[in-house]
């Protein structure tokens, strides 16, 4: 599943190239048999598996696996092509040994199937004071630090929610 956005204006050609690359990225994970979610900026997407952001990134049409999520060293590389060819052993080893980044989500205590998925505004002005949380079963907002998730709970007075 892909949930990416554009952080900057892109030319039509570049946007199409990035979409093609991200499509191949999604197909790579499907072929590998791993259910992942691709989120964030479409130029530099994050790959989410369960409660972790995987220690990898894409550069052009290369998927680069690193030993640590924060500027780790490269351990393996796959070219994202139409016909996916790769060795499973190094990827399996990387999945087990790399330091992947823990992620956090906010969910309702009384209805644990509902996650914070975004925000809406009471008025069309999009004033921060008029912003309120929206909940859903799918597409939970992802926080890369527990501290930031706590700040969101405090800011919006979400004492009926918890961080997972």
N, C-alpha and C. Protein backbone atom coordinates (compact mmCIF):
# COMPACT_ATOMS: atom_id res chain seq x y z
N UNK A 1 0.85 -1.18 0.00
CA UNK A 1 0.00 0.00 0.00
C UNK A 1 0.89 1.24 0.00
N UNK A 2 0.53 2.21 -0.81
CA UNK A 2 1.33 3.43 -0.91
C UNK A 2 0.50 4.62 -0.45
N UNK A 3 1.09 5.40 0.48
CA UNK A 3 0.47 6.65 0.95
C UNK A 3 1.54 7.74 0.91
N UNK A 4 1.86 8.21 -0.28
CA UNK A 4 2.90 9.23 -0.38
C UNK A 4 2.30 10.56 -0.83
N UNK A 5 3.05 11.61 -0.57
CA UNK A 5 2.66 12.95 -0.97
C UNK A 5 3.86 13.63 -1.62
N UNK A 6 3.64 14.78 -2.23
CA UNK A 6 4.73 15.55 -2.81
C UNK A 6 5.05 16.72 -1.89
N UNK A 7 6.31 16.86 -1.52
CA UNK A 7 6.72 17.98 -0.68
C UNK A 7 7.06 19.21 -1.51
N UNK A 8 7.42 19.01 -2.78
CA UNK A 8 7.76 20.14 -3.63
C UNK A 8 7.15 19.93 -5.01
N UNK A 9 7.04 21.00 -5.75
CA UNK A 9 6.48 20.93 -7.11
C UNK A 9 7.48 20.22 -8.02
N UNK A 10 6.98 19.24 -8.77
CA UNK A 10 7.82 18.46 -9.67
C UNK A 10 7.34 18.63 -11.10
N UNK A 11 8.27 18.51 -12.04
CA UNK A 11 7.87 18.51 -13.45
C UNK A 11 7.06 17.24 -13.71
N UNK A 12 6.26 17.27 -14.75
CA UNK A 12 5.43 16.11 -15.09
C UNK A 12 6.30 14.88 -15.32
N UNK A 13 7.43 15.04 -16.02
CA UNK A 13 8.30 13.92 -16.34
C UNK A 13 8.92 13.31 -15.08
N UNK A 14 9.40 14.19 -14.19
CA UNK A 14 10.01 13.70 -12.95
C UNK A 14 8.98 13.00 -12.07
N UNK A 15 7.80 13.57 -11.99
CA UNK A 15 6.73 12.96 -11.19
C UNK A 15 6.40 11.57 -11.74
N UNK A 16 6.31 11.43 -13.05
CA UNK A 16 6.01 10.12 -13.66
C UNK A 16 7.13 9.12 -13.39
N UNK A 17 8.38 9.58 -13.45
CA UNK A 17 9.52 8.70 -13.17
C UNK A 17 9.49 8.22 -11.72
N UNK A 18 9.20 9.12 -10.80
CA UNK A 18 9.15 8.76 -9.38
C UNK A 18 8.00 7.79 -9.12
N UNK A 19 6.85 8.04 -9.76
CA UNK A 19 5.71 7.13 -9.60
C UNK A 19 6.05 5.74 -10.13
N UNK A 20 6.76 5.69 -11.25
CA UNK A 20 7.19 4.41 -11.84
C UNK A 20 8.13 3.69 -10.87
N UNK A 21 9.09 4.42 -10.31
CA UNK A 21 10.03 3.84 -9.35
C UNK A 21 9.30 3.33 -8.11
N UNK A 22 8.37 4.12 -7.58
CA UNK A 22 7.65 3.71 -6.38
C UNK A 22 6.72 2.53 -6.64
N UNK A 23 6.19 2.44 -7.86
CA UNK A 23 5.40 1.27 -8.25
C UNK A 23 6.29 0.03 -8.22
N UNK A 24 7.49 0.13 -8.76
CA UNK A 24 8.43 -0.99 -8.74
C UNK A 24 8.86 -1.32 -7.32
N UNK A 25 9.00 -0.30 -6.49
CA UNK A 25 9.34 -0.52 -5.08
C UNK A 25 8.26 -1.36 -4.40
N UNK A 26 7.00 -1.00 -4.62
CA UNK A 26 5.89 -1.75 -4.04
C UNK A 26 5.87 -3.18 -4.57
N UNK A 27 6.10 -3.35 -5.87
CA UNK A 27 6.13 -4.68 -6.48
C UNK A 27 7.28 -5.53 -5.93
N UNK A 28 8.41 -4.89 -5.63
CA UNK A 28 9.54 -5.61 -5.04
C UNK A 28 9.11 -6.26 -3.72
N UNK A 29 8.50 -5.48 -2.85
CA UNK A 29 8.09 -6.01 -1.54
C UNK A 29 7.04 -7.10 -1.69
N UNK A 30 6.13 -6.93 -2.65
CA UNK A 30 5.11 -7.95 -2.90
C UNK A 30 5.75 -9.24 -3.36
N UNK A 31 6.72 -9.15 -4.27
CA UNK A 31 7.41 -10.35 -4.76
C UNK A 31 8.17 -11.04 -3.63
N UNK A 32 8.71 -10.23 -2.73
CA UNK A 32 9.43 -10.77 -1.58
C UNK A 32 8.47 -11.43 -0.59
N UNK A 33 7.18 -11.09 -0.67
CA UNK A 33 6.18 -11.66 0.22
C UNK A 33 6.02 -10.90 1.53
N UNK A 34 6.48 -9.66 1.56
CA UNK A 34 6.35 -8.84 2.77
C UNK A 34 5.29 -7.77 2.55
N UNK A 35 4.37 -7.68 3.48
CA UNK A 35 3.35 -6.65 3.41
C UNK A 35 3.90 -5.39 4.08
N UNK A 36 4.13 -4.36 3.27
CA UNK A 36 4.67 -3.11 3.78
C UNK A 36 3.78 -1.96 3.33
N UNK A 37 3.99 -0.82 3.95
CA UNK A 37 3.29 0.39 3.58
C UNK A 37 4.35 1.43 3.20
N UNK A 38 4.17 2.07 2.07
CA UNK A 38 5.11 3.09 1.61
C UNK A 38 4.46 4.44 1.87
N UNK A 39 5.12 5.25 2.72
CA UNK A 39 4.51 6.51 3.16
C UNK A 39 5.48 7.68 3.00
N UNK A 40 4.95 8.87 3.21
CA UNK A 40 5.77 10.07 3.26
C UNK A 40 5.92 10.73 1.91
N UNK A 41 7.03 11.42 1.75
CA UNK A 41 7.33 12.14 0.53
C UNK A 41 7.61 11.13 -0.59
N UNK A 42 6.97 11.32 -1.73
CA UNK A 42 7.13 10.34 -2.82
C UNK A 42 8.56 10.29 -3.36
N UNK A 43 9.35 11.36 -3.16
CA UNK A 43 10.75 11.34 -3.60
C UNK A 43 11.63 10.53 -2.66
N UNK A 44 11.31 10.57 -1.37
CA UNK A 44 12.10 9.86 -0.36
C UNK A 44 11.15 9.09 0.57
N UNK A 45 10.47 8.09 0.04
CA UNK A 45 9.46 7.40 0.84
C UNK A 45 10.07 6.54 1.96
N UNK A 46 9.28 6.37 3.01
CA UNK A 46 9.65 5.47 4.09
C UNK A 46 8.90 4.15 3.88
N UNK A 47 9.54 3.05 4.25
CA UNK A 47 8.94 1.73 4.12
C UNK A 47 8.61 1.23 5.52
N UNK A 48 7.31 1.05 5.78
CA UNK A 48 6.83 0.66 7.11
C UNK A 48 6.41 -0.80 7.09
N UNK A 49 6.91 -1.55 8.07
CA UNK A 49 6.53 -2.95 8.27
C UNK A 49 6.17 -3.11 9.73
N UNK A 50 4.88 -3.28 10.00
CA UNK A 50 4.44 -3.42 11.39
C UNK A 50 4.72 -2.17 12.18
N UNK A 51 5.49 -2.30 13.25
CA UNK A 51 5.82 -1.17 14.13
C UNK A 51 7.17 -0.57 13.83
N UNK A 52 7.70 -0.82 12.63
CA UNK A 52 9.04 -0.35 12.30
C UNK A 52 9.10 0.30 10.92
N UNK A 53 9.96 1.30 10.83
CA UNK A 53 10.34 1.89 9.55
C UNK A 53 11.64 1.18 9.18
N UNK A 54 11.63 0.48 8.07
CA UNK A 54 12.77 -0.35 7.69
C UNK A 54 13.99 0.50 7.33
N UNK A 55 15.16 -0.04 7.65
CA UNK A 55 16.44 0.64 7.42
C UNK A 55 16.85 0.51 5.96
N UNK A 56 16.13 1.21 5.10
CA UNK A 56 16.44 1.21 3.68
C UNK A 56 15.93 2.51 3.07
N UNK A 57 16.41 2.80 1.88
CA UNK A 57 15.95 3.99 1.17
C UNK A 57 16.12 3.77 -0.32
N UNK A 58 15.43 4.61 -1.10
CA UNK A 58 15.57 4.53 -2.55
C UNK A 58 16.36 5.72 -3.05
N UNK A 59 17.20 5.45 -4.03
CA UNK A 59 17.95 6.50 -4.71
C UNK A 59 17.88 6.17 -6.19
N UNK A 60 17.26 7.06 -6.94
CA UNK A 60 16.96 6.78 -8.34
C UNK A 60 16.18 5.47 -8.41
N UNK A 61 16.65 4.47 -9.12
CA UNK A 61 15.93 3.19 -9.19
C UNK A 61 16.65 2.11 -8.38
N UNK A 62 17.41 2.51 -7.36
CA UNK A 62 18.09 1.57 -6.48
C UNK A 62 17.43 1.55 -5.12
N UNK A 63 17.20 0.35 -4.60
CA UNK A 63 16.74 0.18 -3.22
C UNK A 63 17.97 -0.20 -2.42
N UNK A 64 18.33 0.64 -1.46
CA UNK A 64 19.57 0.46 -0.72
C UNK A 64 19.23 0.07 0.72
N UNK A 65 19.75 -1.08 1.14
CA UNK A 65 19.53 -1.61 2.48
C UNK A 65 20.71 -1.20 3.35
N UNK A 66 20.43 -0.66 4.54
CA UNK A 66 21.50 -0.22 5.43
C UNK A 66 21.43 -0.96 6.76
N UNK A 67 22.52 -0.91 7.51
CA UNK A 67 22.57 -1.62 8.79
C UNK A 67 21.90 -0.85 9.93
N UNK A 68 21.59 0.43 9.71
CA UNK A 68 20.97 1.26 10.75
C UNK A 68 20.07 2.28 10.06
N UNK A 69 18.94 2.61 10.68
CA UNK A 69 17.99 3.53 10.06
C UNK A 69 18.52 4.95 9.95
N UNK A 70 19.46 5.34 10.78
CA UNK A 70 19.97 6.71 10.78
C UNK A 70 21.38 6.76 10.18
N UNK A 71 21.46 7.00 8.89
CA UNK A 71 22.72 7.11 8.17
C UNK A 71 23.59 5.86 8.31
N UNK A 72 22.95 4.71 8.23
CA UNK A 72 23.67 3.45 8.33
C UNK A 72 24.51 3.16 7.09
N UNK A 73 25.35 2.17 7.21
CA UNK A 73 26.20 1.74 6.09
C UNK A 73 25.43 0.80 5.18
N UNK A 74 25.70 0.89 3.90
CA UNK A 74 25.03 0.03 2.93
C UNK A 74 25.48 -1.42 3.12
N UNK A 75 24.48 -2.33 3.13
CA UNK A 75 24.80 -3.75 3.23
C UNK A 75 24.37 -4.53 1.98
N UNK A 76 23.44 -3.97 1.22
CA UNK A 76 22.96 -4.65 0.01
C UNK A 76 22.21 -3.64 -0.84
N UNK A 77 22.13 -3.92 -2.14
CA UNK A 77 21.46 -3.00 -3.07
C UNK A 77 20.73 -3.82 -4.12
N UNK A 78 19.53 -3.35 -4.48
CA UNK A 78 18.73 -3.99 -5.52
C UNK A 78 18.34 -2.92 -6.54
N UNK A 79 18.48 -3.24 -7.81
CA UNK A 79 18.02 -2.36 -8.88
C UNK A 79 16.54 -2.64 -9.09
N UNK A 80 15.70 -1.60 -8.98
CA UNK A 80 14.26 -1.77 -9.16
C UNK A 80 13.93 -1.73 -10.65
N UNK A 81 13.77 -2.92 -11.20
CA UNK A 81 13.51 -3.07 -12.63
C UNK A 81 12.13 -3.69 -12.83
N UNK A 82 11.71 -3.72 -14.09
CA UNK A 82 10.43 -4.36 -14.41
C UNK A 82 10.44 -5.82 -13.99
N UNK A 83 11.53 -6.51 -14.32
CA UNK A 83 11.69 -7.90 -13.91
C UNK A 83 12.60 -7.88 -12.68
N UNK A 84 12.02 -8.18 -11.57
CA UNK A 84 12.74 -8.10 -10.29
C UNK A 84 13.67 -9.30 -10.12
N UNK A 85 14.95 -9.02 -9.98
CA UNK A 85 15.94 -10.07 -9.72
C UNK A 85 16.75 -9.67 -8.50
N UNK A 86 16.80 -10.56 -7.52
CA UNK A 86 17.55 -10.28 -6.30
C UNK A 86 17.80 -11.58 -5.56
N UNK A 87 18.74 -11.52 -4.64
CA UNK A 87 19.04 -12.67 -3.79
C UNK A 87 18.27 -12.51 -2.48
N UNK A 88 17.60 -13.56 -2.08
CA UNK A 88 16.78 -13.48 -0.86
C UNK A 88 17.64 -13.51 0.41
N UNK A 89 18.71 -14.28 0.41
CA UNK A 89 19.54 -14.46 1.61
C UNK A 89 20.04 -13.13 2.20
N UNK A 90 20.66 -12.24 1.42
CA UNK A 90 21.13 -10.98 2.03
C UNK A 90 20.00 -10.11 2.56
N UNK A 91 18.84 -10.15 1.89
CA UNK A 91 17.70 -9.36 2.34
C UNK A 91 17.14 -9.94 3.64
N UNK A 92 17.02 -11.25 3.69
CA UNK A 92 16.55 -11.92 4.91
C UNK A 92 17.49 -11.63 6.08
N UNK A 93 18.78 -11.69 5.83
CA UNK A 93 19.77 -11.40 6.86
C UNK A 93 19.66 -9.95 7.32
N UNK A 94 19.52 -9.04 6.37
CA UNK A 94 19.37 -7.61 6.68
C UNK A 94 18.13 -7.37 7.54
N UNK A 95 17.02 -8.01 7.17
CA UNK A 95 15.77 -7.83 7.91
C UNK A 95 15.94 -8.23 9.38
N UNK A 96 16.72 -9.28 9.63
CA UNK A 96 16.93 -9.78 10.99
C UNK A 96 17.97 -8.98 11.77
N UNK A 97 18.99 -8.46 11.10
CA UNK A 97 20.13 -7.88 11.82
C UNK A 97 20.20 -6.36 11.83
N UNK A 98 19.57 -5.70 10.88
CA UNK A 98 19.65 -4.23 10.84
C UNK A 98 18.87 -3.61 11.99
N UNK A 99 19.25 -2.41 12.37
CA UNK A 99 18.52 -1.66 13.38
C UNK A 99 17.47 -0.82 12.66
N UNK A 100 16.22 -1.28 12.74
CA UNK A 100 15.10 -0.59 12.11
C UNK A 100 14.50 0.39 13.12
N UNK A 101 13.89 1.44 12.61
CA UNK A 101 13.36 2.51 13.47
C UNK A 101 11.96 2.19 13.97
N UNK A 102 11.78 2.22 15.28
CA UNK A 102 10.47 2.00 15.89
C UNK A 102 9.58 3.17 15.55
N UNK A 103 8.33 2.90 15.20
CA UNK A 103 7.36 3.96 14.92
C UNK A 103 6.23 3.88 15.94
N UNK A 104 5.44 4.94 16.01
CA UNK A 104 4.36 5.02 16.99
C UNK A 104 3.09 5.50 16.32
N UNK A 105 1.96 5.04 16.85
CA UNK A 105 0.64 5.44 16.37
C UNK A 105 -0.20 5.81 17.58
N UNK A 106 -1.24 6.59 17.34
CA UNK A 106 -2.17 6.99 18.40
C UNK A 106 -3.50 6.31 18.11
N UNK A 107 -4.03 5.62 19.13
CA UNK A 107 -5.34 4.96 18.95
C UNK A 107 -6.24 5.28 20.13
N UNK A 108 -7.53 5.12 19.92
CA UNK A 108 -8.51 5.34 20.98
C UNK A 108 -8.46 4.18 21.97
N UNK A 109 -8.58 4.49 23.26
CA UNK A 109 -8.57 3.44 24.29
C UNK A 109 -9.86 2.62 24.25
N UNK A 110 -10.98 3.29 24.12
CA UNK A 110 -12.28 2.60 24.16
C UNK A 110 -12.62 1.87 22.85
N UNK A 111 -12.08 2.34 21.76
CA UNK A 111 -12.30 1.72 20.45
C UNK A 111 -10.92 1.50 19.83
N UNK A 112 -10.21 0.45 20.26
CA UNK A 112 -8.83 0.24 19.84
C UNK A 112 -8.63 0.01 18.34
N UNK A 113 -9.70 -0.20 17.60
CA UNK A 113 -9.57 -0.36 16.15
C UNK A 113 -9.50 0.99 15.43
N UNK A 114 -9.71 2.08 16.17
CA UNK A 114 -9.68 3.41 15.56
C UNK A 114 -8.39 4.15 15.89
N UNK A 115 -7.71 4.59 14.84
CA UNK A 115 -6.43 5.30 14.96
C UNK A 115 -6.60 6.75 14.52
N UNK A 116 -5.72 7.60 15.01
CA UNK A 116 -5.66 8.97 14.52
C UNK A 116 -5.14 8.90 13.09
N UNK A 117 -5.95 9.37 12.12
CA UNK A 117 -5.58 9.26 10.72
C UNK A 117 -5.33 10.63 10.07
N UNK A 118 -5.71 11.69 10.74
CA UNK A 118 -5.52 13.01 10.16
C UNK A 118 -6.27 14.06 10.94
N UNK A 119 -6.49 15.18 10.27
CA UNK A 119 -7.14 16.32 10.91
C UNK A 119 -8.12 16.95 9.94
N UNK A 120 -9.08 17.66 10.51
CA UNK A 120 -10.01 18.45 9.72
C UNK A 120 -10.12 19.81 10.39
N UNK A 121 -10.81 20.74 9.74
CA UNK A 121 -10.94 22.09 10.27
C UNK A 121 -12.41 22.44 10.42
N UNK A 122 -12.72 23.12 11.52
CA UNK A 122 -14.10 23.57 11.75
C UNK A 122 -14.49 24.65 10.74
N UNK A 123 -13.55 25.50 10.38
CA UNK A 123 -13.77 26.59 9.41
C UNK A 123 -12.84 26.38 8.22
N UNK A 124 -13.13 26.99 7.13
CA UNK A 124 -12.31 26.87 5.92
C UNK A 124 -11.01 27.66 6.01
N UNK A 125 -10.80 28.40 7.08
CA UNK A 125 -9.60 29.23 7.22
C UNK A 125 -8.35 28.41 7.49
N UNK A 126 -8.48 27.17 7.90
CA UNK A 126 -7.37 26.28 8.26
C UNK A 126 -6.52 26.87 9.38
N UNK A 127 -7.17 27.51 10.31
CA UNK A 127 -6.53 28.05 11.50
C UNK A 127 -6.23 26.89 12.45
N UNK A 128 -5.02 26.85 13.00
CA UNK A 128 -4.60 25.76 13.90
C UNK A 128 -5.60 25.56 15.05
N UNK A 129 -6.22 26.65 15.52
CA UNK A 129 -7.16 26.55 16.64
C UNK A 129 -8.44 25.81 16.25
N UNK A 130 -8.76 25.82 14.95
CA UNK A 130 -9.98 25.16 14.46
C UNK A 130 -9.73 23.71 14.04
N UNK A 131 -8.51 23.25 14.17
CA UNK A 131 -8.12 21.91 13.73
C UNK A 131 -8.59 20.88 14.77
N UNK A 132 -9.12 19.75 14.29
CA UNK A 132 -9.51 18.68 15.21
C UNK A 132 -9.14 17.33 14.61
N UNK A 133 -8.88 16.34 15.48
CA UNK A 133 -8.44 15.02 14.99
C UNK A 133 -9.56 14.21 14.35
N UNK A 134 -9.15 13.37 13.39
CA UNK A 134 -10.07 12.46 12.70
C UNK A 134 -9.54 11.05 12.90
N UNK A 135 -10.44 10.09 13.13
CA UNK A 135 -10.05 8.71 13.41
C UNK A 135 -10.57 7.77 12.34
N UNK A 136 -9.84 6.67 12.13
CA UNK A 136 -10.26 5.66 11.16
C UNK A 136 -9.55 4.34 11.44
N UNK A 137 -10.00 3.30 10.77
CA UNK A 137 -9.40 1.97 10.94
C UNK A 137 -8.11 1.80 10.15
N UNK A 138 -7.96 2.56 9.08
CA UNK A 138 -6.82 2.39 8.18
C UNK A 138 -6.10 3.72 7.96
N UNK A 139 -4.84 3.62 7.62
CA UNK A 139 -4.08 4.82 7.29
C UNK A 139 -3.69 5.65 8.50
N UNK A 140 -3.33 4.99 9.61
CA UNK A 140 -2.96 5.70 10.83
C UNK A 140 -1.78 6.63 10.58
N UNK A 141 -1.81 7.81 11.22
CA UNK A 141 -0.66 8.71 11.16
C UNK A 141 0.48 8.03 11.89
N UNK A 142 1.67 8.21 11.36
CA UNK A 142 2.86 7.55 11.92
C UNK A 142 3.77 8.61 12.52
N UNK A 143 4.25 8.32 13.71
CA UNK A 143 5.17 9.23 14.41
C UNK A 143 6.49 8.50 14.61
N UNK A 144 7.58 9.19 14.30
CA UNK A 144 8.89 8.57 14.39
C UNK A 144 9.52 8.66 15.78
N UNK A 145 8.89 9.44 16.67
CA UNK A 145 9.33 9.46 18.07
C UNK A 145 8.11 9.39 18.98
N UNK A 146 8.27 8.72 20.09
CA UNK A 146 7.19 8.64 21.07
C UNK A 146 6.92 10.01 21.67
N UNK A 147 7.97 10.82 21.81
CA UNK A 147 7.83 12.15 22.39
C UNK A 147 6.89 13.01 21.55
N UNK A 148 7.03 12.94 20.22
CA UNK A 148 6.17 13.74 19.36
C UNK A 148 4.72 13.26 19.44
N UNK A 149 4.52 11.96 19.50
CA UNK A 149 3.16 11.42 19.66
C UNK A 149 2.56 11.92 20.98
N UNK A 150 3.36 11.97 22.04
CA UNK A 150 2.89 12.50 23.33
C UNK A 150 2.51 13.97 23.21
N UNK A 151 3.30 14.75 22.46
CA UNK A 151 2.99 16.16 22.26
C UNK A 151 1.65 16.33 21.55
N UNK A 152 1.37 15.48 20.59
CA UNK A 152 0.10 15.54 19.86
C UNK A 152 -1.05 15.25 20.82
N UNK A 153 -0.91 14.23 21.65
CA UNK A 153 -1.94 13.89 22.63
C UNK A 153 -2.19 15.05 23.58
N UNK A 154 -1.13 15.69 24.04
CA UNK A 154 -1.27 16.83 24.95
C UNK A 154 -1.87 18.04 24.25
N UNK A 155 -1.38 18.36 23.06
CA UNK A 155 -1.83 19.54 22.33
C UNK A 155 -3.33 19.49 22.04
N UNK A 156 -3.83 18.33 21.63
CA UNK A 156 -5.24 18.19 21.28
C UNK A 156 -6.08 17.63 22.44
N UNK A 157 -5.45 17.50 23.61
CA UNK A 157 -6.14 17.00 24.81
C UNK A 157 -6.83 15.66 24.53
N UNK A 158 -6.04 14.70 24.03
CA UNK A 158 -6.56 13.39 23.65
C UNK A 158 -6.35 12.37 24.78
N UNK A 159 -6.84 12.70 25.97
CA UNK A 159 -6.66 11.79 27.11
C UNK A 159 -7.43 10.47 26.93
N UNK A 160 -8.28 10.41 25.93
CA UNK A 160 -9.01 9.19 25.60
C UNK A 160 -8.25 8.31 24.61
N UNK A 161 -7.00 8.70 24.33
CA UNK A 161 -6.17 7.95 23.39
C UNK A 161 -4.89 7.45 24.07
N UNK A 162 -4.24 6.51 23.39
CA UNK A 162 -2.96 5.99 23.87
C UNK A 162 -2.02 5.80 22.69
N UNK A 163 -0.74 5.72 23.02
CA UNK A 163 0.29 5.53 22.01
C UNK A 163 0.65 4.05 21.96
N UNK A 164 0.72 3.54 20.74
CA UNK A 164 1.16 2.16 20.58
C UNK A 164 2.37 2.13 19.66
